[in-house]
Amino acid sequence: MRTWLFVLFAGLAISAPSAINQVIYVDANAPAGGNGTGAEPYNTIADAVAQARTAGGLPTVEVKPGIYQLASPITIDFPLNLTGSNVMEIDSNLLPTGVVAAGTETQIVGLAALGASPLVSAGRTDGVVIYNVSIQNFTFVAGPGGGDDIAVNQVQNFTVSQNLLTGPPTVTTTNQGIGSVASSGSVLGNYITGVGCGACIRAGYPGSPALVDFIGNRTVNNRNAGAIFSGATYGITEQGDELYVLVAGNDISENTASGAYGLRFFVIRKDLPDTQSTGNVTALALGNRIVGNDIGFTADAGFPYRQANIPPSTTLVCDTRVYSGSLNLTLLGNTLSGSLLTNAVISFTRVTATLKPSQLPSWQYLHNGTYIINDPENSLAGYLKDDPETDPFVGGLCAADTTHELLNNTLIFNGVIVQPTP
């Protein structure tokens, strides 16, 4: 197993060398027809990125303060530093406050024409892995179509830092402030608010692993979750089932929409017709503030479908997969308190089915899964456990759901095997 030292320096370990480092300038207030120099900057980010794509090496696009409206995504499919001018206020705990110094803000705003596309998409669409992408010092305002702020797919040595990320004007979308899959790098010092999932970090595979440092961020007042870490790839064709993550020094608080999570680790989401059935997360959660969420902390199976539809059909069919996987979590120095529903849930099914057993026709339990949770300070004291010895559900669409079959899951908490519920 990879060591935490390797996780901390994952980006350095797998980064590719760079050569010439050209700087290309953008200023929203410049006249059209610029050439990207300091004297004659471009007035759109798209023009600067187009030039950087042919520059070679590791170019920088430096964007001056102003409002930059997008009808199509900024696509980064090559090594690039994309840098705004935001100077964000930091509080006494060295966390971002979301307040940007007057006159410094570089704001990227999604228009209706953007639809559900992200504001910034880092990665290629053909499965080829890219290296060395950084996105920093911007304010992102997602468009009304509910697209993500930043999507990072199959990028090694990425950095997303010191950004202010906000949701669209609507309150019903499930967009992500930062979403990554099969990518390694760092998410540092961002302020994320008003989105569906503040940060959704997903697993990778040997050709594009997922080793991520999530450090010093403030992700608050989001609709579904402050931060989610998942043990399977999602949204790409390649299958991967390993995530290694350090979650340290973050404020993940006051995420209080209906059933919202603060910090969530789950095993898998792979929708039909995908066949993948396993996922694995190894994580160290260190010194985080997890306060005033609906549900403070969860370790659960994720999306172990029992029945689901295959789009575009809306007809439910049996999902015949037998799901399994593992969570290996260590918690140290965290503050977990003030949750509105419950502080902590440990569940071998989807956490919503634990809270509402009427959902069990939709969600099955893991089989032969293993959760190892080391919590020496007992921050999860009184956690709600859902670890039955046998599947409590019988019926539905699946032929296998005719008996209460043994699940054979294992929960090890602070080195002790916790017996399943008979």
Protein backbone atom coordinates (compact mmCIF):
# COMPACT_ATOMS: atom_id res chain seq x y z
CA MET A 1 0.00 0.00 0.00
CA ARG A 2 1.22 3.49 -0.76
CA THR A 3 2.45 5.46 2.23
CA TRP A 4 1.01 8.79 3.34
CA LEU A 5 4.33 10.40 2.43
CA PHE A 6 3.71 9.35 -1.15
CA VAL A 7 0.19 10.76 -1.00
CA LEU A 8 1.52 14.11 0.22
CA PHE A 9 3.96 14.27 -2.66
CA ALA A 10 1.87 12.40 -5.21
CA GLY A 11 1.92 15.20 -7.75
CA LEU A 12 5.68 15.55 -7.63
CA ALA A 13 6.16 11.83 -7.95
CA ILE A 14 4.24 11.51 -11.20
CA SER A 15 4.61 14.91 -12.80
CA ALA A 16 6.07 15.30 -16.26
CA PRO A 17 8.98 17.67 -16.97
CA SER A 18 8.27 21.07 -18.49
CA ALA A 19 10.37 23.22 -20.79
CA ILE A 20 9.70 26.82 -21.88
CA ASN A 21 7.28 28.68 -19.62
CA GLN A 22 5.54 31.38 -21.63
CA VAL A 23 3.25 33.92 -19.89
CA ILE A 24 0.13 35.04 -21.77
CA TYR A 25 -1.95 37.92 -20.44
CA VAL A 26 -5.72 38.55 -20.37
CA ASP A 27 -7.55 41.73 -19.39
CA ALA A 28 -11.32 42.04 -19.73
CA ASN A 29 -10.94 45.77 -20.20
CA ALA A 30 -8.43 45.53 -23.07
CA PRO A 31 -9.54 46.24 -26.64
CA ALA A 32 -10.09 43.35 -29.04
CA GLY A 33 -7.21 42.22 -31.21
CA GLY A 34 -4.55 41.81 -28.53
CA ASN A 35 -1.65 39.42 -28.87
CA GLY A 36 -1.34 38.18 -25.26
CA THR A 37 1.61 40.33 -24.24
CA GLY A 38 1.57 42.56 -21.19
CA ALA A 39 1.26 45.60 -23.44
CA GLU A 40 -1.49 44.13 -25.62
CA PRO A 41 -3.35 41.46 -23.63
CA TYR A 42 -6.22 39.39 -24.94
CA ASN A 43 -9.64 40.35 -23.67
CA THR A 44 -10.96 36.77 -23.48
CA ILE A 45 -9.58 33.76 -21.64
CA ALA A 46 -10.44 31.52 -24.60
CA ASP A 47 -8.03 33.40 -26.89
CA ALA A 48 -5.23 33.11 -24.34
CA VAL A 49 -5.81 29.40 -23.80
CA ALA A 50 -5.81 28.82 -27.57
CA GLN A 51 -2.36 30.43 -27.82
CA ALA A 52 -1.08 28.54 -24.77
CA ARG A 53 -2.15 25.24 -26.35
CA THR A 54 0.53 25.70 -29.04
CA ALA A 55 3.18 27.24 -26.79
CA GLY A 56 4.77 24.05 -25.49
CA GLY A 57 6.38 23.66 -22.09
CA LEU A 58 4.28 24.79 -19.16
CA PRO A 59 2.67 28.12 -20.13
CA THR A 60 0.84 30.47 -17.77
CA VAL A 61 -2.35 32.34 -18.61
CA GLU A 62 -2.46 35.31 -16.25
CA VAL A 63 -5.92 36.89 -15.99
CA LYS A 64 -6.39 40.43 -14.70
CA PRO A 65 -9.31 41.51 -12.47
CA GLY A 66 -12.66 41.76 -14.23
CA ILE A 67 -15.78 39.77 -15.14
CA TYR A 68 -15.37 37.05 -17.76
CA GLN A 69 -18.67 35.58 -18.98
CA LEU A 70 -18.67 32.10 -20.53
CA ALA A 71 -21.04 30.60 -23.06
CA SER A 72 -18.74 27.55 -23.44
CA PRO A 73 -16.26 25.91 -21.07
CA ILE A 74 -12.61 26.81 -20.67
CA THR A 75 -11.05 23.54 -21.84
CA ILE A 76 -7.59 22.70 -20.51
CA ASP A 77 -6.32 19.61 -22.29
CA PHE A 78 -2.58 20.31 -22.02
CA PRO A 79 -0.17 21.46 -19.26
CA LEU A 80 -1.18 24.94 -18.09
CA ASN A 81 -1.13 27.36 -15.17
CA LEU A 82 -4.40 29.31 -15.21
CA THR A 83 -4.02 32.17 -12.73
CA GLY A 84 -6.43 34.90 -11.70
CA SER A 85 -5.80 37.93 -9.53
CA ASN A 86 -7.96 37.26 -6.46
CA VAL A 87 -6.47 38.15 -3.10
CA MET A 88 -8.66 36.31 -0.60
CA GLU A 89 -8.83 37.19 3.06
CA ILE A 90 -7.51 34.53 5.45
CA ASP A 91 -8.75 34.22 9.03
CA SER A 92 -6.77 33.50 12.21
CA ASN A 93 -7.02 29.76 11.53
CA LEU A 94 -5.38 30.29 8.12
CA LEU A 95 -8.62 29.40 6.36
CA PRO A 96 -10.17 31.42 3.51
CA THR A 97 -13.12 33.63 4.46
CA GLY A 98 -14.59 34.05 0.98
CA VAL A 99 -13.91 37.80 1.10
CA VAL A 100 -11.86 39.02 -1.88
CA ALA A 101 -9.89 42.27 -1.61
CA ALA A 102 -11.47 45.14 -3.52
CA GLY A 103 -10.10 45.63 -7.00
CA THR A 104 -8.48 42.18 -7.22
CA GLU A 105 -11.37 39.91 -8.18
CA THR A 106 -11.17 37.84 -11.35
CA GLN A 107 -14.70 36.51 -11.80
CA ILE A 108 -15.66 33.73 -14.23
CA VAL A 109 -19.44 33.61 -14.71
CA GLY A 110 -21.46 30.98 -16.56
CA LEU A 111 -24.14 32.15 -18.98
CA ALA A 112 -27.33 30.26 -19.82
CA ALA A 113 -25.75 29.06 -23.07
CA LEU A 114 -23.21 27.09 -21.03
CA GLY A 115 -25.97 24.68 -20.08
CA ALA A 116 -24.83 21.90 -17.76
CA SER A 117 -21.19 22.15 -18.86
CA PRO A 118 -18.53 23.08 -16.30
CA LEU A 119 -16.93 26.50 -16.24
CA VAL A 120 -13.48 24.89 -16.46
CA SER A 121 -12.86 21.39 -17.78
CA ALA A 122 -9.34 20.04 -17.21
CA GLY A 123 -8.53 16.83 -19.05
CA ARG A 124 -8.96 15.26 -22.46
CA THR A 125 -11.99 13.42 -23.80
CA ASP A 126 -10.07 10.50 -25.36
CA GLY A 127 -8.76 8.94 -22.13
CA VAL A 128 -5.20 10.21 -22.60
CA VAL A 129 -3.75 11.34 -19.27
CA ILE A 130 -2.35 14.87 -19.03
CA TYR A 131 0.01 16.41 -16.50
CA ASN A 132 0.63 19.70 -14.71
CA VAL A 133 -2.55 21.79 -14.54
CA SER A 134 -3.09 24.49 -11.95
CA ILE A 135 -6.16 26.71 -11.47
CA GLN A 136 -5.86 29.41 -8.85
CA ASN A 137 -7.02 32.81 -7.58
CA PHE A 138 -10.43 33.04 -9.31
CA THR A 139 -14.05 33.53 -8.35
CA PHE A 140 -16.26 31.01 -10.13
CA VAL A 141 -20.02 31.53 -10.48
CA ALA A 142 -21.69 28.51 -12.07
CA GLY A 143 -24.29 29.13 -14.77
CA PRO A 144 -28.06 28.67 -14.40
CA GLY A 145 -27.86 25.31 -16.19
CA GLY A 146 -26.25 23.80 -13.08
CA GLY A 147 -22.85 22.81 -14.47
CA ASP A 148 -19.84 22.26 -12.22
CA ASP A 149 -17.41 25.02 -11.42
CA ILE A 150 -14.26 22.94 -12.05
CA ALA A 151 -14.05 19.38 -13.45
CA VAL A 152 -10.71 17.55 -13.40
CA ASN A 153 -10.60 14.23 -15.28
CA GLN A 154 -7.50 12.06 -15.73
CA VAL A 155 -5.01 14.78 -14.79
CA GLN A 156 -1.84 14.05 -12.85
CA ASN A 157 -0.14 16.74 -10.76
CA PHE A 158 -3.11 19.11 -10.67
CA THR A 159 -3.57 21.99 -8.25
CA VAL A 160 -6.80 23.86 -7.53
CA SER A 161 -6.03 26.57 -4.99
CA GLN A 162 -7.27 29.79 -3.43
CA ASN A 163 -10.45 30.03 -5.46
CA LEU A 164 -13.91 31.18 -4.43
CA LEU A 165 -16.40 28.70 -5.90
CA THR A 166 -20.14 29.31 -5.84
CA GLY A 167 -23.28 27.70 -7.19
CA PRO A 168 -25.76 28.77 -9.84
CA PRO A 169 -28.68 31.05 -9.00
CA THR A 170 -31.08 28.09 -8.74
CA VAL A 171 -31.29 26.04 -5.56
CA THR A 172 -32.24 22.65 -7.01
CA THR A 173 -29.13 21.66 -8.97
CA THR A 174 -26.54 19.14 -7.77
CA ASN A 175 -23.47 20.70 -9.34
CA GLN A 176 -20.00 20.35 -7.86
CA GLY A 177 -17.67 23.09 -6.83
CA ILE A 178 -14.70 20.86 -7.59
CA GLY A 179 -15.05 17.40 -9.10
CA SER A 180 -12.18 15.08 -9.92
CA VAL A 181 -11.84 11.53 -11.19
CA ALA A 182 -8.72 9.45 -11.82
CA SER A 183 -6.56 12.46 -10.95
CA SER A 184 -3.74 13.13 -8.49
CA GLY A 185 -2.85 16.43 -6.95
CA SER A 186 -3.89 19.07 -4.43
CA VAL A 187 -7.01 21.05 -3.53
CA LEU A 188 -5.75 23.85 -1.29
CA GLY A 189 -7.24 26.90 0.40
CA ASN A 190 -10.50 27.19 -1.56
CA TYR A 191 -13.77 28.65 -0.31
CA ILE A 192 -16.75 26.66 -1.64
CA THR A 193 -20.37 27.54 -0.98
CA GLY A 194 -23.85 27.31 -2.46
CA VAL A 195 -23.21 24.29 -4.70
CA GLY A 196 -24.56 20.74 -4.57
CA CYS A 197 -21.34 18.96 -3.54
CA GLY A 198 -18.55 21.24 -2.41
CA ALA A 199 -15.88 18.80 -3.57
CA CYS A 200 -16.48 15.33 -5.01
CA ILE A 201 -13.21 13.41 -5.33
CA ARG A 202 -13.30 10.00 -7.03
CA ALA A 203 -10.99 7.06 -7.48
CA GLY A 204 -8.46 6.27 -10.18
CA TYR A 205 -6.78 3.31 -11.85
CA PRO A 206 -3.11 2.29 -12.35
CA GLY A 207 -2.73 4.32 -15.55
CA SER A 208 -4.16 7.44 -13.88
CA PRO A 209 -4.25 7.01 -10.09
CA ALA A 210 -6.10 9.16 -7.58
CA LEU A 211 -3.87 10.41 -4.76
CA VAL A 212 -5.26 13.69 -3.49
CA ASP A 213 -4.42 16.20 -0.76
CA PHE A 214 -7.52 18.14 0.33
CA ILE A 215 -6.09 20.73 2.70
CA GLY A 216 -7.10 24.06 4.22
CA ASN A 217 -10.40 24.49 2.38
CA ARG A 218 -13.63 25.96 3.69
CA THR A 219 -16.68 24.21 2.21
CA VAL A 220 -19.85 25.50 3.85
CA ASN A 221 -23.56 26.00 3.22
CA ASN A 222 -23.75 23.56 0.31
CA ARG A 223 -26.90 21.68 -0.65
CA ASN A 224 -25.83 18.01 -0.62
CA ALA A 225 -22.40 17.74 0.98
CA GLY A 226 -19.34 19.63 2.03
CA ALA A 227 -16.91 17.01 0.71
CA ILE A 228 -17.35 13.49 -0.67
CA PHE A 229 -14.63 10.91 -1.36
CA SER A 230 -15.60 7.89 -3.46
CA GLY A 231 -13.79 4.61 -4.11
CA ALA A 232 -14.73 4.21 -7.79
CA THR A 233 -14.29 6.10 -11.04
CA TYR A 234 -17.36 7.82 -12.43
CA GLY A 235 -18.05 9.64 -15.67
CA ILE A 236 -15.18 8.08 -17.64
CA THR A 237 -14.99 4.77 -19.53
CA GLU A 238 -11.95 3.49 -17.64
CA GLN A 239 -12.70 1.48 -14.51
CA GLY A 240 -10.81 2.27 -11.34
CA ASP A 241 -11.37 1.36 -7.71
CA GLU A 242 -8.69 3.01 -5.56
CA LEU A 243 -8.65 6.44 -3.90
CA TYR A 244 -5.97 7.61 -1.47
CA VAL A 245 -6.70 10.95 0.19
CA LEU A 246 -5.42 13.23 2.93
CA VAL A 247 -8.19 15.47 4.32
CA ALA A 248 -6.51 17.96 6.64
CA GLY A 249 -7.24 21.30 8.25
CA ASN A 250 -10.55 21.98 6.49
CA ASP A 251 -13.72 23.65 7.71
CA ILE A 252 -16.56 21.44 6.45
CA SER A 253 -19.53 22.93 8.24
CA GLU A 254 -23.11 24.15 8.06
CA ASN A 255 -24.10 22.04 5.08
CA THR A 256 -27.73 21.83 6.09
CA ALA A 257 -30.00 21.27 3.12
CA SER A 258 -32.27 18.27 3.60
CA GLY A 259 -30.03 15.39 4.66
CA ALA A 260 -26.80 17.15 3.69
CA TYR A 261 -23.48 15.64 4.74
CA GLY A 262 -20.40 17.30 6.08
CA LEU A 263 -17.66 14.74 5.38
CA ARG A 264 -18.66 11.60 3.50
CA PHE A 265 -16.64 8.57 2.41
CA PHE A 266 -18.36 5.95 0.28
CA VAL A 267 -17.45 2.81 -1.63
CA ILE A 268 -18.94 3.07 -5.12
CA ARG A 269 -21.14 4.74 -7.66
CA LYS A 270 -21.29 3.04 -11.07
CA ASP A 271 -24.63 3.35 -12.82
CA LEU A 272 -26.07 0.68 -15.11
CA PRO A 273 -25.12 -0.59 -17.65
CA ASP A 274 -21.66 -0.44 -16.02
CA THR A 275 -20.51 -3.75 -14.54
CA GLN A 276 -18.03 -2.55 -11.91
CA SER A 277 -19.05 -3.63 -8.41
CA THR A 278 -16.14 -2.73 -6.08
CA GLY A 279 -14.49 0.40 -4.74
CA ASN A 280 -11.89 1.23 -2.10
CA VAL A 281 -10.93 4.36 -0.16
CA THR A 282 -7.90 4.85 2.08
CA ALA A 283 -8.02 8.15 3.93
CA LEU A 284 -6.51 10.15 6.78
CA ALA A 285 -8.82 12.87 8.15
CA LEU A 286 -6.71 15.17 10.29
CA GLY A 287 -7.63 18.35 12.18
CA ASN A 288 -10.88 19.17 10.39
CA ARG A 289 -13.77 21.24 11.73
CA ILE A 290 -17.03 19.38 10.97
CA VAL A 291 -19.69 21.39 12.76
CA GLY A 292 -23.40 22.11 12.30
CA ASN A 293 -24.11 19.86 9.30
CA ASP A 294 -27.28 17.83 8.93
CA ILE A 295 -25.14 14.67 9.13
CA GLY A 296 -21.57 15.28 10.24
CA PHE A 297 -19.71 12.16 9.05
CA THR A 298 -20.65 9.11 7.04
CA ALA A 299 -18.90 5.95 5.95
CA ASP A 300 -21.28 4.10 3.67
CA ALA A 301 -21.65 1.94 0.56
CA GLY A 302 -22.60 4.81 -1.73
CA PHE A 303 -24.86 3.70 -4.58
CA PRO A 304 -25.24 -0.11 -4.37
CA TYR A 305 -28.26 -0.32 -6.64
CA ARG A 306 -30.78 -3.07 -6.09
CA GLN A 307 -32.96 -1.84 -8.94
CA ALA A 308 -32.34 1.02 -11.34
CA ASN A 309 -33.04 2.19 -14.87
CA ILE A 310 -30.72 2.32 -17.86
CA PRO A 311 -31.09 5.75 -19.49
CA PRO A 312 -32.86 6.84 -21.58
CA SER A 313 -35.35 4.23 -20.39
CA THR A 314 -37.15 5.01 -17.14
CA THR A 315 -38.16 1.39 -16.56
CA LEU A 316 -36.62 -0.14 -13.45
CA VAL A 317 -34.66 -3.36 -13.84
CA CYS A 318 -32.84 -5.58 -11.37
CA ASP A 319 -29.18 -4.71 -10.85
CA THR A 320 -27.65 -8.19 -10.57
CA ARG A 321 -24.25 -7.02 -9.34
CA VAL A 322 -23.03 -8.16 -5.92
CA TYR A 323 -21.33 -5.08 -4.50
CA SER A 324 -18.27 -5.14 -2.27
CA GLY A 325 -15.29 -3.00 -1.33
CA SER A 326 -13.46 -1.34 1.54
CA LEU A 327 -13.02 1.85 3.53
CA ASN A 328 -9.81 2.26 5.54
CA LEU A 329 -10.18 5.50 7.49
CA THR A 330 -8.09 7.13 10.21
CA LEU A 331 -9.43 10.14 12.13
CA LEU A 332 -7.23 12.37 14.30
CA GLY A 333 -7.75 15.80 15.82
CA ASN A 334 -11.13 16.50 14.22
CA THR A 335 -13.95 18.54 15.76
CA LEU A 336 -17.25 16.81 15.02
CA SER A 337 -20.26 18.38 16.69
CA GLY A 338 -23.58 20.17 16.36
CA SER A 339 -25.07 17.93 13.67
CA LEU A 340 -28.80 18.46 13.18
CA LEU A 341 -29.76 14.82 12.45
CA THR A 342 -26.85 12.72 13.68
CA ASN A 343 -23.13 13.20 14.11
CA ALA A 344 -22.00 9.99 12.40
CA VAL A 345 -23.34 7.05 10.38
CA ILE A 346 -21.47 3.87 9.51
CA SER A 347 -23.51 1.89 7.00
CA PHE A 348 -22.98 -1.02 4.63
CA THR A 349 -25.79 0.22 2.40
CA ARG A 350 -26.63 3.66 1.06
CA VAL A 351 -26.82 6.05 4.00
CA THR A 352 -30.28 7.32 2.96
CA ALA A 353 -31.60 3.74 3.24
CA THR A 354 -30.17 3.54 6.73
CA LEU A 355 -32.09 6.66 7.71
CA LYS A 356 -35.21 5.64 5.76
CA PRO A 357 -35.48 1.81 5.49
CA SER A 358 -38.39 2.26 3.08
CA GLN A 359 -35.67 2.88 0.46
CA LEU A 360 -34.29 -0.67 0.75
CA PRO A 361 -36.15 -1.82 -2.40
CA SER A 362 -33.78 0.51 -4.27
CA TRP A 363 -30.50 -0.13 -2.40
CA GLN A 364 -28.81 -3.38 -1.44
CA TYR A 365 -26.04 -4.03 1.07
CA LEU A 366 -22.41 -4.74 0.40
CA HIS A 367 -21.30 -8.36 0.55
CA ASN A 368 -17.94 -9.33 2.05
CA GLY A 369 -17.07 -5.65 2.49
CA THR A 370 -14.60 -4.37 5.06
CA TYR A 371 -14.51 -1.07 6.94
CA ILE A 372 -11.48 -0.37 9.12
CA ILE A 373 -11.99 2.83 11.10
CA ASN A 374 -9.30 4.08 13.47
CA ASP A 375 -10.69 6.80 15.71
CA PRO A 376 -8.50 6.85 18.85
CA GLU A 377 -10.10 10.07 20.13
CA ASN A 378 -13.60 8.57 19.74
CA SER A 379 -14.89 11.51 17.73
CA LEU A 380 -17.54 9.20 16.24
CA ALA A 381 -18.90 8.20 19.67
CA GLY A 382 -22.53 7.17 19.46
CA TYR A 383 -22.41 6.60 15.72
CA LEU A 384 -25.47 5.11 14.04
CA LYS A 385 -24.54 1.64 12.71
CA ASP A 386 -26.24 -0.26 9.89
CA ASP A 387 -24.46 -3.62 9.65
CA PRO A 388 -27.00 -6.43 9.60
CA GLU A 389 -25.90 -10.03 9.58
CA THR A 390 -28.35 -10.82 6.78
CA ASP A 391 -30.06 -8.73 4.12
CA PRO A 392 -33.31 -7.51 5.72
CA PHE A 393 -35.07 -7.04 2.38
CA VAL A 394 -37.02 -9.72 0.52
CA GLY A 395 -39.02 -9.10 -2.64
CA GLY A 396 -38.75 -6.68 -5.52
CA LEU A 397 -37.46 -7.31 -9.02
CA CYS A 398 -34.37 -9.41 -8.27
CA ALA A 399 -34.50 -13.19 -8.19
CA ALA A 400 -31.78 -13.19 -5.53
CA ASP A 401 -34.00 -11.27 -3.12
CA THR A 402 -36.04 -14.31 -2.08
CA THR A 403 -34.10 -15.05 1.10
CA HIS A 404 -32.32 -13.12 3.82
CA GLU A 405 -28.84 -14.03 2.60
CA LEU A 406 -25.74 -13.67 4.76
CA LEU A 407 -23.79 -10.47 4.01
CA ASN A 408 -20.44 -11.30 5.69
CA ASN A 409 -19.36 -7.70 6.07
CA THR A 410 -16.69 -6.74 8.61
CA LEU A 411 -16.49 -3.55 10.67
CA ILE A 412 -13.28 -3.05 12.64
CA PHE A 413 -13.45 0.00 14.90
CA ASN A 414 -10.30 0.94 16.82
CA GLY A 415 -8.89 -2.54 16.27
CA VAL A 416 -11.97 -4.39 17.53
CA ILE A 417 -14.37 -6.32 15.32
CA VAL A 418 -17.86 -4.92 15.85
CA GLN A 419 -20.40 -7.70 15.67
CA PRO A 420 -23.14 -7.31 13.03
CA THR A 421 -26.75 -6.91 14.04
CA PRO A 422 -28.45 -10.32 14.10
